[in-house]
Amino acid sequence: MHLTDTHTHLYLSDFRDDIDKVVGRAIDNGVTKMLLPNIDSKTIKNMNKLAARYKDNVYQMMGVHPGSIREDFEQELKTVEDELARGHYIAVGETGIDLYREKKYVKEQLFAFERQLKLAIEFDLPVVIHARNSFPEIFTSLDKFKNSGLRGVFHAFTGNIDQARHIINSYNFKLGIGGIVTFKNSGLDRVVSEIDLGHIVLETDSPFLAPVPFRGKRNESGYLVHIAGKVAEIKNISQLKVAELTTHNAADIFGI
């Protein structure tokens, strides 16, 4: 069984003391590919260092997270563009709009998001979207780029079935399903039950959002098997089939 964790922040300090064991456990669990989304200019060095260390299993993206958009967002975007020009990255991300905690920089977030969408088109790369309390805003932005070839993933999807269908029918994007699908009363299981697996990729978002039975603890890529197991339960198919289909989807999007 081969699984792809399409979203994991293994370069963060949470893994500083045991990263070799974490990667080893992931590979032992069949998670043979781990994709690293960037956060901002401060995380690039550690991310690239980790990808070089595990070059057969780890791949990196380049973007600036909406939570890192502040007064210096123009410099952050310049760094993203310069890094993408180096050609080491498989996607633009993670980018998006996050209106969960504050809306002080909403204009800057919108500008930065659309600029990164343009970079994805320019470099012919998929884009990984962070959408939190922001589906209407993100849909409005994506509508500006219809027929542009944009493709990618809505990371950590937690929307409803109507939003899922809109993403699938209106944009060339997959839904990133993570540990929340294992949470009781999350409602995500009902969405997954109605969506064909051809539209789904799996992710952990490590070290965040650990699935049951590790909820509340540090997440790691090896726990992707629990997410795959839950999806298999929802779909009433084998975990091996879930792994096969979602890994194929990830390969199709990211070219790995």
C-alpha atoms as a PDB file:
ATOM      1  CA  MET A   1       0.000   0.000   0.000  1.00  0.00           C
ATOM      2  CA  HIS A   2       1.304   3.432  -0.976  1.00  0.00           C
ATOM      3  CA  LEU A   3      -0.172   6.657   0.387  1.00  0.00           C
ATOM      4  CA  THR A   4       0.623  10.303  -0.322  1.00  0.00           C
ATOM      5  CA  ASP A   5       0.332  12.899   2.432  1.00  0.00           C
ATOM      6  CA  THR A   6      -0.447  15.946   0.307  1.00  0.00           C
ATOM      7  CA  HIS A   7      -0.079  18.463   3.152  1.00  0.00           C
ATOM      8  CA  THR A   8       2.338  18.128   6.070  1.00  0.00           C
ATOM      9  CA  HIS A   9       4.540  20.666   7.872  1.00  0.00           C
ATOM     10  CA  LEU A  10       7.280  18.265   8.976  1.00  0.00           C
ATOM     11  CA  TYR A  11       9.891  21.028   8.932  1.00  0.00           C
ATOM     12  CA  LEU A  12       8.395  22.813  11.963  1.00  0.00           C
ATOM     13  CA  SER A  13      10.085  22.773  15.366  1.00  0.00           C
ATOM     14  CA  ASP A  14       7.463  20.296  16.632  1.00  0.00           C
ATOM     15  CA  PHE A  15       9.543  17.599  14.905  1.00  0.00           C
ATOM     16  CA  ARG A  16      12.984  18.956  15.768  1.00  0.00           C
ATOM     17  CA  ASP A  17      13.917  16.137  18.139  1.00  0.00           C
ATOM     18  CA  ASP A  18      12.613  13.083  16.279  1.00  0.00           C
ATOM     19  CA  ILE A  19      12.166  13.861  12.596  1.00  0.00           C
ATOM     20  CA  ASP A  20      14.026  10.715  11.480  1.00  0.00           C
ATOM     21  CA  LYS A  21      11.659   8.542  13.501  1.00  0.00           C
ATOM     22  CA  VAL A  22       8.623  10.467  12.247  1.00  0.00           C
ATOM     23  CA  VAL A  23       9.608  10.026   8.598  1.00  0.00           C
ATOM     24  CA  GLY A  24      10.539   6.409   9.255  1.00  0.00           C
ATOM     25  CA  ARG A  25       7.159   5.660  10.820  1.00  0.00           C
ATOM     26  CA  ALA A  26       5.399   7.276   7.889  1.00  0.00           C
ATOM     27  CA  ILE A  27       7.280   5.157   5.357  1.00  0.00           C
ATOM     28  CA  ASP A  28       6.673   2.024   7.444  1.00  0.00           C
ATOM     29  CA  ASN A  29       2.942   2.833   7.304  1.00  0.00           C
ATOM     30  CA  GLY A  30       3.060   3.114   3.518  1.00  0.00           C
ATOM     31  CA  VAL A  31       3.154   6.916   3.369  1.00  0.00           C
ATOM     32  CA  THR A  32       5.929   7.043   0.807  1.00  0.00           C
ATOM     33  CA  LYS A  33       5.389  10.622  -0.382  1.00  0.00           C
ATOM     34  CA  MET A  34       5.051  13.674   1.878  1.00  0.00           C
ATOM     35  CA  LEU A  35       4.356  17.111   0.398  1.00  0.00           C
ATOM     36  CA  LEU A  36       5.485  20.194   2.305  1.00  0.00           C
ATOM     37  CA  PRO A  37       3.531  23.454   1.929  1.00  0.00           C
ATOM     38  CA  ASN A  38       5.492  26.575   2.815  1.00  0.00           C
ATOM     39  CA  ILE A  39       4.244  29.114   5.379  1.00  0.00           C
ATOM     40  CA  ASP A  40       6.363  32.226   4.770  1.00  0.00           C
ATOM     41  CA  SER A  41       9.933  33.442   4.243  1.00  0.00           C
ATOM     42  CA  LYS A  42      10.976  32.247   7.703  1.00  0.00           C
ATOM     43  CA  THR A  43      10.183  28.608   6.959  1.00  0.00           C
ATOM     44  CA  ILE A  44      11.821  28.220   3.545  1.00  0.00           C
ATOM     45  CA  LYS A  45      15.282  27.239   4.792  1.00  0.00           C
ATOM     46  CA  ASN A  46      14.117  24.444   7.075  1.00  0.00           C
ATOM     47  CA  MET A  47      11.609  23.182   4.526  1.00  0.00           C
ATOM     48  CA  ASN A  48      14.177  22.939   1.744  1.00  0.00           C
ATOM     49  CA  LYS A  49      16.713  21.375   4.068  1.00  0.00           C
ATOM     50  CA  LEU A  50      14.248  18.646   5.001  1.00  0.00           C
ATOM     51  CA  ALA A  51      13.306  18.009   1.374  1.00  0.00           C
ATOM     52  CA  ALA A  52      16.977  17.629   0.446  1.00  0.00           C
ATOM     53  CA  ARG A  53      17.525  15.225   3.340  1.00  0.00           C
ATOM     54  CA  TYR A  54      14.657  12.941   2.264  1.00  0.00           C
ATOM     55  CA  LYS A  55      14.676  13.656  -1.451  1.00  0.00           C
ATOM     56  CA  ASP A  56      13.111  10.310  -2.392  1.00  0.00           C
ATOM     57  CA  ASN A  57      10.057  10.868  -0.192  1.00  0.00           C
ATOM     58  CA  VAL A  58       9.600  14.577   0.506  1.00  0.00           C
ATOM     59  CA  TYR A  59       8.633  17.371  -1.898  1.00  0.00           C
ATOM     60  CA  GLN A  60       8.228  21.077  -1.277  1.00  0.00           C
ATOM     61  CA  MET A  61       5.824  23.823  -2.345  1.00  0.00           C
ATOM     62  CA  MET A  62       6.309  27.586  -2.326  1.00  0.00           C
ATOM     63  CA  GLY A  63       3.812  30.159  -1.124  1.00  0.00           C
ATOM     64  CA  VAL A  64       2.865  32.454   1.722  1.00  0.00           C
ATOM     65  CA  HIS A  65       0.126  31.426   4.152  1.00  0.00           C
ATOM     66  CA  PRO A  66      -2.689  33.982   4.587  1.00  0.00           C
ATOM     67  CA  GLY A  67      -1.955  34.078   8.307  1.00  0.00           C
ATOM     68  CA  SER A  68       1.480  35.472   7.481  1.00  0.00           C
ATOM     69  CA  ILE A  69       0.157  38.366   5.402  1.00  0.00           C
ATOM     70  CA  ARG A  70       1.008  41.606   7.181  1.00  0.00           C
ATOM     71  CA  GLU A  71       2.412  45.023   6.230  1.00  0.00           C
ATOM     72  CA  ASP A  72       5.417  43.349   4.579  1.00  0.00           C
ATOM     73  CA  PHE A  73       3.317  41.174   2.254  1.00  0.00           C
ATOM     74  CA  GLU A  74       4.891  42.650  -0.876  1.00  0.00           C
ATOM     75  CA  GLN A  75       8.323  41.422   0.213  1.00  0.00           C
ATOM     76  CA  GLU A  76       6.873  38.027   1.062  1.00  0.00           C
ATOM     77  CA  LEU A  77       5.392  37.790  -2.431  1.00  0.00           C
ATOM     78  CA  LYS A  78       8.712  38.808  -3.986  1.00  0.00           C
ATOM     79  CA  THR A  79      10.408  36.005  -2.068  1.00  0.00           C
ATOM     80  CA  VAL A  80       7.821  33.515  -3.303  1.00  0.00           C
ATOM     81  CA  GLU A  81       8.351  34.609  -6.901  1.00  0.00           C
ATOM     82  CA  ASP A  82      12.137  34.430  -6.616  1.00  0.00           C
ATOM     83  CA  GLU A  83      11.973  30.957  -5.093  1.00  0.00           C
ATOM     84  CA  LEU A  84       9.566  29.651  -7.725  1.00  0.00           C
ATOM     85  CA  ALA A  85      11.981  30.809 -10.391  1.00  0.00           C
ATOM     86  CA  ARG A  86      14.555  28.377  -8.975  1.00  0.00           C
ATOM     87  CA  GLY A  87      12.377  25.506 -10.162  1.00  0.00           C
ATOM     88  CA  HIS A  88      12.566  23.307  -7.049  1.00  0.00           C
ATOM     89  CA  TYR A  89       8.868  23.332  -6.201  1.00  0.00           C
ATOM     90  CA  ILE A  90       5.895  21.143  -7.154  1.00  0.00           C
ATOM     91  CA  ALA A  91       3.121  23.644  -6.319  1.00  0.00           C
ATOM     92  CA  VAL A  92       2.253  27.156  -5.189  1.00  0.00           C
ATOM     93  CA  GLY A  93       1.119  26.964  -1.584  1.00  0.00           C
ATOM     94  CA  GLU A  94      -0.090  27.194   0.757  1.00  0.00           C
ATOM     95  CA  THR A  95      -2.003  30.313  -0.087  1.00  0.00           C
ATOM     96  CA  GLY A  96      -5.589  31.419   0.365  1.00  0.00           C
ATOM     97  CA  ILE A  97      -7.767  33.537   2.632  1.00  0.00           C
ATOM     98  CA  ASP A  98      -8.319  33.070   6.363  1.00  0.00           C
ATOM     99  CA  LEU A  99     -11.009  35.202   8.013  1.00  0.00           C
ATOM    100  CA  TYR A 100     -11.418  33.053  11.128  1.00  0.00           C
ATOM    101  CA  ARG A 101      -9.634  35.188  13.707  1.00  0.00           C
ATOM    102  CA  GLU A 102      -9.242  38.643  12.208  1.00  0.00           C
ATOM    103  CA  LYS A 103     -10.046  40.663   9.129  1.00  0.00           C
ATOM    104  CA  LYS A 104      -7.496  43.436   9.547  1.00  0.00           C
ATOM    105  CA  TYR A 105      -5.518  42.401   6.485  1.00  0.00           C
ATOM    106  CA  VAL A 106      -8.348  41.105   4.325  1.00  0.00           C
ATOM    107  CA  LYS A 107      -7.469  43.390   1.392  1.00  0.00           C
ATOM    108  CA  GLU A 108      -3.841  42.342   1.585  1.00  0.00           C
ATOM    109  CA  GLN A 109      -4.855  38.670   1.789  1.00  0.00           C
ATOM    110  CA  LEU A 110      -7.027  39.021  -1.308  1.00  0.00           C
ATOM    111  CA  PHE A 111      -4.231  40.716  -3.241  1.00  0.00           C
ATOM    112  CA  ALA A 112      -1.633  38.149  -2.126  1.00  0.00           C
ATOM    113  CA  PHE A 113      -3.931  35.239  -2.963  1.00  0.00           C
ATOM    114  CA  GLU A 114      -4.656  36.454  -6.463  1.00  0.00           C
ATOM    115  CA  ARG A 115      -0.997  37.257  -7.046  1.00  0.00           C
ATOM    116  CA  GLN A 116      -0.110  33.679  -6.133  1.00  0.00           C
ATOM    117  CA  LEU A 117      -2.818  32.363  -8.440  1.00  0.00           C
ATOM    118  CA  LYS A 118      -1.147  34.328 -11.231  1.00  0.00           C
ATOM    119  CA  LEU A 119       2.213  32.823 -10.282  1.00  0.00           C
ATOM    120  CA  ALA A 120       0.699  29.337 -10.441  1.00  0.00           C
ATOM    121  CA  ILE A 121      -0.471  30.080 -13.978  1.00  0.00           C
ATOM    122  CA  GLU A 122       2.870  31.637 -14.939  1.00  0.00           C
ATOM    123  CA  PHE A 123       4.888  28.669 -13.666  1.00  0.00           C
ATOM    124  CA  ASP A 124       2.274  26.083 -14.696  1.00  0.00           C
ATOM    125  CA  LEU A 125       1.992  24.682 -11.176  1.00  0.00           C
ATOM    126  CA  PRO A 126      -0.965  23.493  -9.118  1.00  0.00           C
ATOM    127  CA  VAL A 127      -2.039  25.684  -6.218  1.00  0.00           C
ATOM    128  CA  VAL A 128      -2.899  24.588  -2.665  1.00  0.00           C
ATOM    129  CA  ILE A 129      -5.645  26.729  -1.137  1.00  0.00           C
ATOM    130  CA  HIS A 130      -6.226  27.444   2.544  1.00  0.00           C
ATOM    131  CA  ALA A 131      -9.895  28.402   2.938  1.00  0.00           C
ATOM    132  CA  ARG A 132     -11.139  29.245   6.410  1.00  0.00           C
ATOM    133  CA  ASN A 133     -14.377  31.210   6.768  1.00  0.00           C
ATOM    134  CA  SER A 134     -13.678  32.457   3.258  1.00  0.00           C
ATOM    135  CA  PHE A 135     -15.342  30.320   0.572  1.00  0.00           C
ATOM    136  CA  PRO A 136     -17.299  33.242  -0.970  1.00  0.00           C
ATOM    137  CA  GLU A 137     -14.162  35.379  -1.231  1.00  0.00           C
ATOM    138  CA  ILE A 138     -12.089  32.550  -2.668  1.00  0.00           C
ATOM    139  CA  PHE A 139     -14.750  31.597  -5.194  1.00  0.00           C
ATOM    140  CA  THR A 140     -14.935  35.235  -6.339  1.00  0.00           C
ATOM    141  CA  SER A 141     -11.177  35.271  -6.886  1.00  0.00           C
ATOM    142  CA  LEU A 142     -11.136  31.930  -8.707  1.00  0.00           C
ATOM    143  CA  ASP A 143     -13.918  33.095 -10.987  1.00  0.00           C
ATOM    144  CA  LYS A 144     -11.518  35.722 -12.333  1.00  0.00           C
ATOM    145  CA  PHE A 145      -9.218  32.972 -13.603  1.00  0.00           C
ATOM    146  CA  LYS A 146     -11.645  30.598 -15.306  1.00  0.00           C
ATOM    147  CA  ASN A 147     -10.218  28.896 -18.410  1.00  0.00           C
ATOM    148  CA  SER A 148      -6.699  29.758 -17.218  1.00  0.00           C
ATOM    149  CA  GLY A 149      -5.600  26.204 -16.517  1.00  0.00           C
ATOM    150  CA  LEU A 150      -5.598  26.660 -12.738  1.00  0.00           C
ATOM    151  CA  ARG A 151      -5.674  23.382 -10.849  1.00  0.00           C
ATOM    152  CA  GLY A 152      -4.912  22.175  -7.362  1.00  0.00           C
ATOM    153  CA  VAL A 153      -6.329  21.293  -3.964  1.00  0.00           C
ATOM    154  CA  PHE A 154      -8.643  22.881  -1.436  1.00  0.00           C
ATOM    155  CA  HIS A 155      -6.576  21.978   1.604  1.00  0.00           C
ATOM    156  CA  ALA A 156      -8.277  20.763   4.813  1.00  0.00           C
ATOM    157  CA  PHE A 157     -11.703  20.920   3.241  1.00  0.00           C
ATOM    158  CA  THR A 158     -14.439  21.304   5.856  1.00  0.00           C
ATOM    159  CA  GLY A 159     -17.186  22.857   3.763  1.00  0.00           C
ATOM    160  CA  ASN A 160     -20.647  21.522   3.020  1.00  0.00           C
ATOM    161  CA  ILE A 161     -21.785  19.394   0.107  1.00  0.00           C
ATOM    162  CA  ASP A 162     -22.905  22.393  -1.962  1.00  0.00           C
ATOM    163  CA  GLN A 163     -19.472  24.008  -1.613  1.00  0.00           C
ATOM    164  CA  ALA A 164     -17.799  20.710  -2.462  1.00  0.00           C
ATOM    165  CA  ARG A 165     -19.889  20.327  -5.602  1.00  0.00           C
ATOM    166  CA  HIS A 166     -19.194  23.921  -6.620  1.00  0.00           C
ATOM    167  CA  ILE A 167     -15.440  23.330  -6.322  1.00  0.00           C
ATOM    168  CA  ILE A 168     -15.669  20.137  -8.356  1.00  0.00           C
ATOM    169  CA  ASN A 169     -18.023  21.448 -11.036  1.00  0.00           C
ATOM    170  CA  SER A 170     -16.657  24.975 -11.423  1.00  0.00           C
ATOM    171  CA  TYR A 171     -12.907  24.585 -10.828  1.00  0.00           C
ATOM    172  CA  ASN A 172     -10.267  21.977 -11.585  1.00  0.00           C
ATOM    173  CA  PHE A 173      -9.539  21.310  -7.915  1.00  0.00           C
ATOM    174  CA  LYS A 174      -9.531  18.287  -5.607  1.00  0.00           C
ATOM    175  CA  LEU A 175     -10.681  18.254  -1.979  1.00  0.00           C
ATOM    176  CA  GLY A 176      -7.982  17.649   0.629  1.00  0.00           C
ATOM    177  CA  ILE A 177      -9.443  15.382   3.321  1.00  0.00           C
ATOM    178  CA  GLY A 178      -7.661  15.167   6.668  1.00  0.00           C
ATOM    179  CA  GLY A 179      -8.117  14.157  10.269  1.00  0.00           C
ATOM    180  CA  ILE A 180     -11.330  16.118  10.736  1.00  0.00           C
ATOM    181  CA  VAL A 181     -13.156  13.380   8.812  1.00  0.00           C
ATOM    182  CA  THR A 182     -12.546  11.117  11.834  1.00  0.00           C
ATOM    183  CA  PHE A 183     -14.062  13.581  14.329  1.00  0.00           C
ATOM    184  CA  LYS A 184     -17.484  12.740  15.669  1.00  0.00           C
ATOM    185  CA  ASN A 185     -20.156  15.188  14.490  1.00  0.00           C
ATOM    186  CA  SER A 186     -17.780  16.992  12.078  1.00  0.00           C
ATOM    187  CA  GLY A 187     -20.235  16.359   9.248  1.00  0.00           C
ATOM    188  CA  LEU A 188     -17.353  15.794   6.853  1.00  0.00           C
ATOM    189  CA  ASP A 189     -18.152  12.100   6.664  1.00  0.00           C
ATOM    190  CA  ARG A 190     -21.483  12.939   5.021  1.00  0.00           C
ATOM    191  CA  VAL A 191     -19.745  15.090   2.425  1.00  0.00           C
ATOM    192  CA  VAL A 192     -17.174  12.401   1.663  1.00  0.00           C
ATOM    193  CA  SER A 193     -19.928   9.818   1.290  1.00  0.00           C
ATOM    194  CA  GLU A 194     -21.436  11.823  -1.586  1.00  0.00           C
ATOM    195  CA  ILE A 195     -18.214  12.746  -3.385  1.00  0.00           C
ATOM    196  CA  ASP A 196     -16.524  10.388  -5.816  1.00  0.00           C
ATOM    197  CA  LEU A 197     -13.010   9.404  -4.720  1.00  0.00           C
ATOM    198  CA  GLY A 198     -11.735  10.768  -8.002  1.00  0.00           C
ATOM    199  CA  HIS A 199     -12.102  14.228  -6.465  1.00  0.00           C
ATOM    200  CA  ILE A 200     -10.278  13.518  -3.191  1.00  0.00           C
ATOM    201  CA  VAL A 201      -6.700  13.530  -1.936  1.00  0.00           C
ATOM    202  CA  LEU A 202      -5.588  12.750   1.606  1.00  0.00           C
ATOM    203  CA  GLU A 203      -3.543  14.876   3.988  1.00  0.00           C
ATOM    204  CA  THR A 204      -2.566  15.178   7.649  1.00  0.00           C
ATOM    205  CA  ASP A 205      -1.684  18.892   8.030  1.00  0.00           C
ATOM    206  CA  SER A 206       0.870  17.717  10.592  1.00  0.00           C
ATOM    207  CA  PRO A 207       1.533  18.696  13.331  1.00  0.00           C
ATOM    208  CA  PHE A 208      -2.085  19.927  13.447  1.00  0.00           C
ATOM    209  CA  LEU A 209      -5.486  18.194  13.301  1.00  0.00           C
ATOM    210  CA  ALA A 210      -4.446  14.706  14.363  1.00  0.00           C
ATOM    211  CA  PRO A 211      -7.087  12.078  13.562  1.00  0.00           C
ATOM    212  CA  VAL A 212      -8.823   9.853  16.071  1.00  0.00           C
ATOM    213  CA  PRO A 213      -7.365   8.064  18.062  1.00  0.00           C
ATOM    214  CA  PHE A 214      -4.651  10.740  18.385  1.00  0.00           C
ATOM    215  CA  ARG A 215      -6.923  13.783  18.461  1.00  0.00           C
ATOM    216  CA  GLY A 216      -5.419  16.592  20.525  1.00  0.00           C
ATOM    217  CA  LYS A 217      -1.875  15.245  20.186  1.00  0.00           C
ATOM    218  CA  ARG A 218       0.874  16.084  17.726  1.00  0.00           C
ATOM    219  CA  ASN A 219      -0.052  14.869  14.273  1.00  0.00           C
ATOM    220  CA  GLU A 220       2.420  13.157  11.950  1.00  0.00           C
ATOM    221  CA  SER A 221       2.361  11.827   8.409  1.00  0.00           C
ATOM    222  CA  GLY A 222       2.221   8.190   9.494  1.00  0.00           C
ATOM    223  CA  TYR A 223      -1.257   8.824  10.886  1.00  0.00           C
ATOM    224  CA  LEU A 224      -2.547   9.176   7.334  1.00  0.00           C
ATOM    225  CA  VAL A 225      -3.472   5.483   7.536  1.00  0.00           C
ATOM    226  CA  HIS A 226      -6.208   6.368  10.041  1.00  0.00           C
ATOM    227  CA  ILE A 227      -7.648   8.952   7.649  1.00  0.00           C
ATOM    228  CA  ALA A 228      -7.516   6.464   4.782  1.00  0.00           C
ATOM    229  CA  GLY A 229      -9.184   3.898   7.023  1.00  0.00           C
ATOM    230  CA  LYS A 230     -12.042   6.250   7.859  1.00  0.00           C
ATOM    231  CA  VAL A 231     -12.586   7.122   4.201  1.00  0.00           C
ATOM    232  CA  ALA A 232     -12.605   3.410   3.384  1.00  0.00           C
ATOM    233  CA  GLU A 233     -15.228   2.871   6.089  1.00  0.00           C
ATOM    234  CA  ILE A 234     -17.389   5.705   4.741  1.00  0.00           C
ATOM    235  CA  LYS A 235     -17.113   4.438   1.181  1.00  0.00           C
ATOM    236  CA  ASN A 236     -17.444   0.785   2.152  1.00  0.00           C
ATOM    237  CA  ILE A 237     -14.363  -0.183   0.165  1.00  0.00           C
ATOM    238  CA  SER A 238     -10.922  -1.458   1.112  1.00  0.00           C
ATOM    239  CA  GLN A 239      -8.241   0.812   2.531  1.00  0.00           C
ATOM    240  CA  LEU A 240      -5.982  -0.458  -0.234  1.00  0.00           C
ATOM    241  CA  LYS A 241      -8.419   0.872  -2.840  1.00  0.00           C
ATOM    242  CA  VAL A 242      -8.578   4.258  -1.077  1.00  0.00           C
ATOM    243  CA  ALA A 243      -4.778   4.394  -1.085  1.00  0.00           C
ATOM    244  CA  GLU A 244      -4.596   3.456  -4.749  1.00  0.00           C
ATOM    245  CA  LEU A 245      -7.123   6.049  -5.916  1.00  0.00           C
ATOM    246  CA  THR A 246      -6.032   8.977  -3.755  1.00  0.00           C
ATOM    247  CA  THR A 247      -2.355   8.383  -4.512  1.00  0.00           C
ATOM    248  CA  HIS A 248      -3.203   8.380  -8.215  1.00  0.00           C
ATOM    249  CA  ASN A 249      -5.089  11.667  -7.740  1.00  0.00           C
ATOM    250  CA  ALA A 250      -2.123  13.228  -5.958  1.00  0.00           C
ATOM    251  CA  ALA A 251       0.257  12.098  -8.682  1.00  0.00           C
ATOM    252  CA  ASP A 252      -2.043  13.535 -11.326  1.00  0.00           C
ATOM    253  CA  ILE A 253      -2.206  16.944  -9.635  1.00  0.00           C
ATOM    254  CA  PHE A 254       1.378  17.345  -8.482  1.00  0.00           C
ATOM    255  CA  GLY A 255       3.212  15.404 -11.168  1.00  0.00           C
ATOM    256  CA  ILE A 256       5.088  13.178  -8.722  1.00  0.00           C
END
